[in-house]
Amino acid sequence: MFQQFLHRAWVRLIEHLDGPLLLVTGAIMVAGLATVYSATYDANNRLLAQAVNMVVGLCAMWSVAQVPPQKLMRFGVPLYVIGVILLLLVFLFGVKVNGARRWLSLGFTRIQPSELLKLAVPLMLAWYFHKHEAVLKARHYIVACVLLLVPFALIAKQPDLGTAILVGAAGFYVIFFAGLPWQVIVGLFAAAAGAAPFVWTVLHDYQRKRILTLIDPTSDPLGSGYHIIQSTIAIGSGGSFGKGWLEGTQTHLEFIPERHTDFIFAVFSEERGLLGNTVLLLLYLLLIGRGLMIAANASTLFARVMAGSITLSLFTYVFVNMGMVSGILPVVGVPLPFMSYGGTALVTLSIGIGILMSIQTHRMLVRQ
């Protein structure tokens, strides 16, 4: 009897977990925890904090995976409305730190509402397209673009270009998977290219400097170019097989800035080398490939566009982070998924994986 109870409890525990997603995500988390320890060996409290963040993230992943997609869809509108209201409150009453107004103070803690929009925007747009699936016309795509531009503009105004890019990308992927014609996509890219001179004029000075530094980091080696120079040195010094765990000189001599957060890939590269980078890239490719398979096999429009948006958003995280650390993209505040230290982004990404699991494991139920 007790064995049957344990068996039923175990089946209930893993019923809505997708094995491949869980294994790959777990492997990346373990690699991230080891790298965070190396990057913060003189502050072991961060290792414990990151371990707690991972436990919270896994619990959030499991909880969301239990909820059927049709119920998840109901959260789209309220989360979006709450998120936009919070962004307006940030604009009016937000806490200003280092020239950026991104946080709301609750007295006992501070929250960054823009993180909520990373999930709220795709949920809202996926709900909207699902609702109008039978009669999708040009006006629906226009409305979707407006729904996307409102939070994008509010976040970019803070300014927080990195988060604005991620929110904008997540929303665009939903619109794309909902059937946006290729002619429109080409036209949008052409319009974006034509608007580049105007965009340059509205960028903040530090944002322009980041772009110019990308072209020639040595123009300001101790200032804006310092991050790129030191991270590329660390990546190159890792060689084929790396210097070994806890043996990174660029890391432990503290040349790498933000080495446990945005630039953790430089720490990993120095210690693990090209071989370790190849394995890490393979893990991310497996994660993205599994997500795209789930999107392709989804039973409803909501599930398909949501799964596609989450998966390509994950790709955007990885590409932008590795690109900026290796010096091929400007430096923006984008963490490396499940590797970088920090709780908010980790939990948000874990919820995204949980939504993918929900879509996959409830697929047959939805069809019936």
Protein backbone atom coordinates (compact mmCIF):
# COMPACT_ATOMS: atom_id res chain seq x y z
CA MET A 1 0.00 0.00 0.00
CA PHE A 2 2.77 2.42 0.97
CA GLN A 3 4.70 1.54 -2.20
CA GLN A 4 1.61 2.26 -4.30
CA PHE A 5 1.22 5.60 -2.56
CA LEU A 6 4.85 6.48 -3.29
CA HIS A 7 4.43 5.39 -6.90
CA ARG A 8 1.33 7.52 -7.38
CA ALA A 9 3.04 10.48 -5.71
CA TRP A 10 6.09 10.09 -7.98
CA VAL A 11 3.92 9.82 -11.10
CA ARG A 12 1.99 12.92 -10.00
CA LEU A 13 5.26 14.77 -9.41
CA ILE A 14 6.73 14.12 -12.85
CA GLU A 15 3.51 13.80 -14.86
CA HIS A 16 3.78 17.20 -16.53
CA LEU A 17 7.56 17.51 -16.68
CA ASP A 18 9.26 17.14 -20.05
CA GLY A 19 12.36 14.98 -19.60
CA PRO A 20 14.59 16.49 -22.32
CA LEU A 21 13.84 20.07 -21.24
CA LEU A 22 14.43 19.26 -17.58
CA LEU A 23 17.71 17.41 -18.19
CA VAL A 24 19.23 20.07 -20.45
CA THR A 25 18.08 22.96 -18.26
CA GLY A 26 19.43 21.18 -15.19
CA ALA A 27 22.80 20.57 -16.86
CA ILE A 28 23.15 24.27 -17.74
CA MET A 29 22.15 25.26 -14.20
CA VAL A 30 24.84 22.98 -12.72
CA ALA A 31 27.45 24.48 -15.05
CA GLY A 32 26.23 27.93 -14.08
CA LEU A 33 26.43 27.21 -10.37
CA ALA A 34 30.02 25.97 -10.70
CA THR A 35 30.96 29.06 -12.71
CA VAL A 36 29.28 31.43 -10.26
CA TYR A 37 31.28 29.80 -7.47
CA SER A 38 34.51 30.36 -9.39
CA ALA A 39 33.59 33.95 -10.22
CA THR A 40 32.62 34.76 -6.61
CA TYR A 41 34.91 32.46 -4.64
CA ASP A 42 35.64 35.32 -2.23
CA ALA A 43 31.91 35.83 -1.56
CA ASN A 44 30.44 32.39 -0.95
CA ASN A 45 27.10 33.88 0.13
CA ARG A 46 26.39 34.43 -3.57
CA LEU A 47 26.77 30.71 -4.25
CA LEU A 48 24.12 29.95 -1.63
CA ALA A 49 21.89 32.74 -2.95
CA GLN A 50 22.18 31.38 -6.50
CA ALA A 51 21.39 27.86 -5.30
CA VAL A 52 18.25 29.24 -3.63
CA ASN A 53 17.38 31.10 -6.85
CA MET A 54 17.66 27.83 -8.78
CA VAL A 55 15.42 25.98 -6.33
CA VAL A 56 12.83 28.76 -6.58
CA GLY A 57 13.14 28.67 -10.37
CA LEU A 58 12.66 24.89 -10.51
CA CYS A 59 9.61 25.14 -8.21
CA ALA A 60 8.16 27.87 -10.44
CA MET A 61 8.88 25.70 -13.50
CA TRP A 62 7.10 22.70 -11.95
CA SER A 63 4.12 24.78 -10.80
CA VAL A 64 3.56 26.38 -14.22
CA ALA A 65 3.95 23.01 -15.97
CA GLN A 66 0.91 21.74 -14.04
CA VAL A 67 -1.36 24.43 -15.50
CA PRO A 68 -2.99 23.61 -18.87
CA PRO A 69 -2.29 26.09 -21.70
CA GLN A 70 -5.95 27.11 -21.93
CA LYS A 71 -5.78 28.27 -18.30
CA LEU A 72 -2.41 29.97 -18.77
CA MET A 73 -4.01 31.96 -21.58
CA ARG A 74 -6.35 33.64 -19.09
CA PHE A 75 -3.41 35.32 -17.37
CA GLY A 76 -2.43 37.24 -20.52
CA VAL A 77 -4.70 40.29 -20.20
CA PRO A 78 -4.44 40.90 -16.42
CA LEU A 79 -0.64 40.43 -16.39
CA TYR A 80 -0.25 42.81 -19.33
CA VAL A 81 -2.49 45.48 -17.77
CA ILE A 82 -0.74 45.18 -14.39
CA GLY A 83 2.66 45.30 -16.08
CA VAL A 84 1.88 48.47 -18.05
CA ILE A 85 0.43 50.17 -14.95
CA LEU A 86 3.59 49.30 -13.00
CA LEU A 87 5.74 50.70 -15.83
CA LEU A 88 3.76 53.95 -15.67
CA LEU A 89 4.30 54.04 -11.89
CA VAL A 90 8.03 53.54 -12.47
CA PHE A 91 7.98 56.49 -14.88
CA LEU A 92 6.24 58.66 -12.25
CA PHE A 93 7.60 57.42 -8.92
CA GLY A 94 10.41 55.00 -9.71
CA VAL A 95 13.73 54.81 -7.87
CA LYS A 96 16.60 56.27 -9.88
CA VAL A 97 19.93 54.40 -9.72
CA ASN A 98 22.96 55.30 -11.87
CA GLY A 99 20.85 57.54 -14.07
CA ALA A 100 18.21 54.87 -14.79
CA ARG A 101 14.69 54.80 -13.34
CA ARG A 102 13.80 51.08 -13.46
CA TRP A 103 12.66 50.10 -9.97
CA LEU A 104 9.67 50.58 -7.70
CA SER A 105 10.32 50.72 -3.97
CA LEU A 106 7.96 48.72 -1.77
CA GLY A 107 9.67 49.78 1.44
CA PHE A 108 11.09 46.38 2.34
CA THR A 109 12.36 45.65 -1.19
CA ARG A 110 12.49 46.93 -4.76
CA ILE A 111 10.92 45.35 -7.84
CA GLN A 112 11.72 45.76 -11.52
CA PRO A 113 8.35 45.65 -13.34
CA SER A 114 9.96 45.38 -16.78
CA GLU A 115 10.86 41.75 -16.00
CA LEU A 116 7.15 40.92 -15.75
CA LEU A 117 6.61 42.15 -19.31
CA LYS A 118 8.99 39.51 -20.71
CA LEU A 119 6.18 37.02 -20.12
CA ALA A 120 3.15 39.31 -20.02
CA VAL A 121 3.66 40.69 -23.55
CA PRO A 122 3.87 37.32 -25.37
CA LEU A 123 1.01 35.95 -23.25
CA MET A 124 -1.16 38.95 -24.12
CA LEU A 125 -0.39 38.80 -27.83
CA ALA A 126 -0.81 35.03 -27.98
CA TRP A 127 -4.23 35.40 -26.29
CA TYR A 128 -5.17 38.17 -28.73
CA PHE A 129 -4.28 36.17 -31.84
CA HIS A 130 -5.95 33.04 -30.48
CA LYS A 131 -9.15 35.02 -29.88
CA HIS A 132 -9.20 36.33 -33.46
CA GLU A 133 -7.73 33.22 -35.12
CA ALA A 134 -10.70 32.67 -37.44
CA VAL A 135 -10.76 36.24 -38.79
CA LEU A 136 -7.15 37.44 -38.73
CA LYS A 137 -6.73 40.53 -40.87
CA ALA A 138 -4.22 43.37 -41.27
CA ARG A 139 -5.85 45.42 -38.50
CA HIS A 140 -5.22 42.67 -35.98
CA TYR A 141 -1.49 42.79 -36.68
CA ILE A 142 -1.57 46.59 -36.33
CA VAL A 143 -3.30 46.32 -32.95
CA ALA A 144 -0.74 43.71 -31.88
CA CYS A 145 2.09 46.05 -32.85
CA VAL A 146 0.56 48.83 -30.74
CA LEU A 147 0.19 46.46 -27.78
CA LEU A 148 3.88 45.65 -28.17
CA LEU A 149 5.14 49.20 -28.69
CA VAL A 150 3.54 50.59 -25.51
CA PRO A 151 5.65 48.56 -23.02
CA PHE A 152 8.67 48.65 -25.34
CA ALA A 153 8.66 52.46 -25.36
CA LEU A 154 8.10 52.71 -21.59
CA ILE A 155 11.02 50.35 -20.88
CA ALA A 156 13.35 52.03 -23.39
CA LYS A 157 12.52 55.38 -21.76
CA GLN A 158 13.80 54.23 -18.34
CA PRO A 159 16.37 53.72 -20.07
CA ASP A 160 16.82 49.94 -20.22
CA LEU A 161 17.65 49.07 -23.80
CA GLY A 162 18.60 45.47 -23.03
CA THR A 163 15.25 44.60 -21.46
CA ALA A 164 13.38 46.61 -24.10
CA ILE A 165 15.06 44.53 -26.82
CA LEU A 166 14.11 41.27 -25.09
CA VAL A 167 10.48 42.36 -24.58
CA GLY A 168 10.28 43.63 -28.16
CA ALA A 169 11.77 40.40 -29.52
CA ALA A 170 9.38 38.21 -27.48
CA GLY A 171 6.39 40.15 -28.81
CA PHE A 172 7.65 40.19 -32.39
CA TYR A 173 8.12 36.41 -32.36
CA VAL A 174 4.47 35.97 -31.40
CA ILE A 175 3.37 38.22 -34.26
CA PHE A 176 5.70 36.34 -36.62
CA PHE A 177 4.40 32.89 -35.65
CA ALA A 178 0.83 34.17 -35.91
CA GLY A 179 1.35 34.45 -39.66
CA LEU A 180 2.87 37.85 -40.35
CA PRO A 181 3.51 37.94 -44.14
CA TRP A 182 7.13 37.90 -45.31
CA GLN A 183 6.52 41.03 -47.39
CA VAL A 184 5.65 42.92 -44.22
CA ILE A 185 8.73 41.58 -42.43
CA VAL A 186 11.00 42.71 -45.26
CA GLY A 187 9.28 46.09 -45.26
CA LEU A 188 9.78 46.44 -41.51
CA PHE A 189 13.48 45.69 -41.80
CA ALA A 190 13.80 48.20 -44.65
CA ALA A 191 11.98 50.82 -42.58
CA ALA A 192 14.22 50.08 -39.59
CA ALA A 193 17.32 50.52 -41.74
CA GLY A 194 15.98 53.79 -43.09
CA ALA A 195 15.18 55.02 -39.59
CA ALA A 196 18.67 54.23 -38.28
CA PRO A 197 19.93 57.85 -38.58
CA PHE A 198 16.94 59.10 -36.58
CA VAL A 199 17.36 56.36 -33.96
CA TRP A 200 21.00 57.41 -33.57
CA THR A 201 19.94 60.95 -32.67
CA VAL A 202 17.56 59.79 -29.91
CA LEU A 203 20.01 57.37 -28.29
CA HIS A 204 21.55 58.36 -24.98
CA ASP A 205 25.21 59.35 -25.00
CA TYR A 206 26.28 56.16 -23.21
CA GLN A 207 24.36 54.06 -25.76
CA ARG A 208 26.10 55.80 -28.68
CA LYS A 209 29.42 55.30 -26.94
CA ARG A 210 28.77 51.56 -26.62
CA ILE A 211 28.16 51.25 -30.35
CA LEU A 212 31.27 53.27 -31.23
CA THR A 213 33.30 51.22 -28.74
CA LEU A 214 32.19 48.04 -30.50
CA ILE A 215 33.88 49.29 -33.67
CA ASP A 216 37.11 50.22 -31.86
CA PRO A 217 37.35 49.14 -28.19
CA THR A 218 40.90 50.50 -27.95
CA SER A 219 39.60 54.04 -28.41
CA ASP A 220 38.75 54.02 -24.69
CA PRO A 221 40.55 51.00 -23.18
CA LEU A 222 40.05 52.05 -19.55
CA GLY A 223 36.50 53.30 -20.02
CA SER A 224 33.75 52.09 -22.31
CA GLY A 225 36.05 49.64 -24.10
CA TYR A 226 37.28 47.95 -20.92
CA HIS A 227 34.50 45.34 -20.74
CA ILE A 228 34.99 44.09 -24.30
CA ILE A 229 38.79 44.09 -24.15
CA GLN A 230 38.98 42.11 -20.91
CA SER A 231 36.27 39.62 -21.86
CA THR A 232 37.85 38.85 -25.24
CA ILE A 233 41.26 38.41 -23.55
CA ALA A 234 39.66 35.92 -21.14
CA ILE A 235 37.95 33.99 -23.94
CA GLY A 236 41.13 33.79 -26.00
CA SER A 237 43.33 32.81 -23.05
CA GLY A 238 41.19 29.74 -22.42
CA GLY A 239 42.62 28.05 -25.50
CA SER A 240 41.28 24.69 -26.59
CA PHE A 241 40.75 23.04 -23.21
CA GLY A 242 40.72 25.94 -20.75
CA LYS A 243 42.84 26.71 -17.71
CA GLY A 244 40.74 24.58 -15.39
CA TRP A 245 38.06 25.26 -12.80
CA LEU A 246 39.11 27.99 -10.33
CA GLU A 247 42.29 28.57 -12.38
CA GLY A 248 41.20 31.54 -14.48
CA THR A 249 43.67 34.39 -14.04
CA GLN A 250 41.54 37.07 -15.71
CA THR A 251 38.72 36.03 -13.40
CA HIS A 252 40.51 35.74 -10.09
CA LEU A 253 42.67 38.81 -10.63
CA GLU A 254 39.35 40.64 -11.15
CA PHE A 255 40.04 41.97 -14.64
CA ILE A 256 36.65 40.78 -15.91
CA PRO A 257 33.86 43.21 -14.92
CA GLU A 258 30.45 41.87 -13.88
CA ARG A 259 32.04 38.43 -14.04
CA HIS A 260 29.24 36.63 -12.15
CA THR A 261 26.36 38.25 -14.05
CA ASP A 262 26.42 39.56 -17.63
CA PHE A 263 30.02 38.47 -18.35
CA ILE A 264 29.90 34.99 -16.85
CA PHE A 265 30.50 33.49 -20.30
CA ALA A 266 34.00 35.01 -20.27
CA VAL A 267 34.70 33.22 -16.95
CA PHE A 268 33.38 29.94 -18.33
CA SER A 269 35.40 30.32 -21.55
CA GLU A 270 38.66 31.01 -19.70
CA GLU A 271 38.24 27.96 -17.48
CA ARG A 272 36.69 25.50 -19.96
CA GLY A 273 38.16 26.66 -23.26
CA LEU A 274 36.83 25.93 -26.74
CA LEU A 275 35.79 22.39 -25.79
CA GLY A 276 33.66 23.61 -22.90
CA ASN A 277 32.12 26.33 -25.07
CA THR A 278 31.21 23.74 -27.68
CA VAL A 279 29.45 21.59 -25.08
CA LEU A 280 27.61 24.62 -23.67
CA LEU A 281 26.50 25.71 -27.14
CA LEU A 282 25.31 22.16 -27.83
CA LEU A 283 23.20 22.22 -24.65
CA TYR A 284 21.60 25.51 -25.69
CA LEU A 285 20.96 24.15 -29.19
CA LEU A 286 19.28 21.08 -27.71
CA LEU A 287 17.11 23.33 -25.53
CA ILE A 288 16.13 25.53 -28.47
CA GLY A 289 15.58 22.54 -30.75
CA ARG A 290 13.28 20.90 -28.21
CA GLY A 291 11.33 24.14 -27.84
CA LEU A 292 10.82 24.42 -31.59
CA MET A 293 9.65 20.79 -31.74
CA ILE A 294 7.08 21.55 -29.04
CA ALA A 295 5.94 24.62 -30.99
CA ALA A 296 5.62 22.61 -34.21
CA ASN A 297 3.50 19.92 -32.51
CA ALA A 298 1.29 22.31 -30.51
CA SER A 299 -2.46 21.76 -30.74
CA THR A 300 -3.70 25.37 -30.69
CA LEU A 301 -2.62 28.73 -32.09
CA PHE A 302 -2.02 30.06 -28.59
CA ALA A 303 0.24 27.13 -27.71
CA ARG A 304 2.13 27.32 -31.01
CA VAL A 305 2.91 31.05 -30.95
CA MET A 306 3.67 30.99 -27.22
CA ALA A 307 6.08 28.08 -27.51
CA GLY A 308 7.75 29.65 -30.54
CA SER A 309 8.12 33.01 -28.79
CA ILE A 310 9.61 31.50 -25.62
CA THR A 311 12.07 29.41 -27.63
CA LEU A 312 13.29 32.21 -29.89
CA SER A 313 13.45 34.57 -26.90
CA LEU A 314 15.80 32.06 -25.28
CA PHE A 315 17.88 32.09 -28.48
CA THR A 316 17.93 35.91 -28.33
CA TYR A 317 19.22 35.83 -24.74
CA VAL A 318 22.04 33.45 -25.67
CA PHE A 319 22.99 35.19 -28.91
CA VAL A 320 23.00 38.72 -27.47
CA ASN A 321 24.91 37.75 -24.32
CA MET A 322 27.58 35.70 -26.08
CA GLY A 323 27.78 38.30 -28.84
CA MET A 324 28.46 41.18 -26.46
CA VAL A 325 30.96 39.18 -24.38
CA SER A 326 32.89 38.13 -27.48
CA GLY A 327 32.87 41.64 -28.94
CA ILE A 328 30.53 41.26 -31.93
CA LEU A 329 27.58 43.13 -30.36
CA PRO A 330 27.36 46.26 -28.18
CA VAL A 331 27.34 45.75 -24.42
CA VAL A 332 23.77 45.56 -23.09
CA GLY A 333 22.42 44.20 -19.84
CA VAL A 334 21.37 40.71 -20.95
CA PRO A 335 22.16 37.67 -18.74
CA LEU A 336 23.21 34.26 -20.03
CA PRO A 337 20.20 31.96 -19.45
CA PHE A 338 20.49 29.69 -16.38
CA MET A 339 24.18 30.63 -16.03
CA SER A 340 24.30 34.25 -14.86
CA TYR A 341 23.86 35.09 -11.18
CA GLY A 342 20.51 36.64 -10.31
CA GLY A 343 17.05 35.59 -9.27
CA THR A 344 14.59 37.58 -11.36
CA ALA A 345 15.85 36.55 -14.80
CA LEU A 346 16.37 32.95 -13.66
CA VAL A 347 12.82 32.62 -12.36
CA THR A 348 11.39 34.31 -15.47
CA LEU A 349 13.27 31.92 -17.76
CA SER A 350 12.26 28.94 -15.61
CA ILE A 351 8.61 29.94 -15.92
CA GLY A 352 9.11 30.06 -19.68
CA ILE A 353 10.44 26.49 -19.64
CA GLY A 354 7.48 25.53 -17.46
CA ILE A 355 5.10 26.93 -20.10
CA LEU A 356 6.85 24.82 -22.74
CA MET A 357 6.41 21.74 -20.54
CA SER A 358 2.73 22.56 -20.05
CA ILE A 359 2.19 22.89 -23.79
CA GLN A 360 3.95 19.58 -24.47
CA THR A 361 2.46 17.44 -21.70
CA HIS A 362 -1.11 18.75 -22.05
CA ARG A 363 -1.03 18.42 -25.84
CA MET A 364 -3.01 15.19 -26.04
CA LEU A 365 -5.56 16.46 -23.53
CA VAL A 366 -6.11 19.57 -25.65
CA ARG A 367 -6.66 17.46 -28.78
CA GLN A 368 -9.27 15.37 -27.05
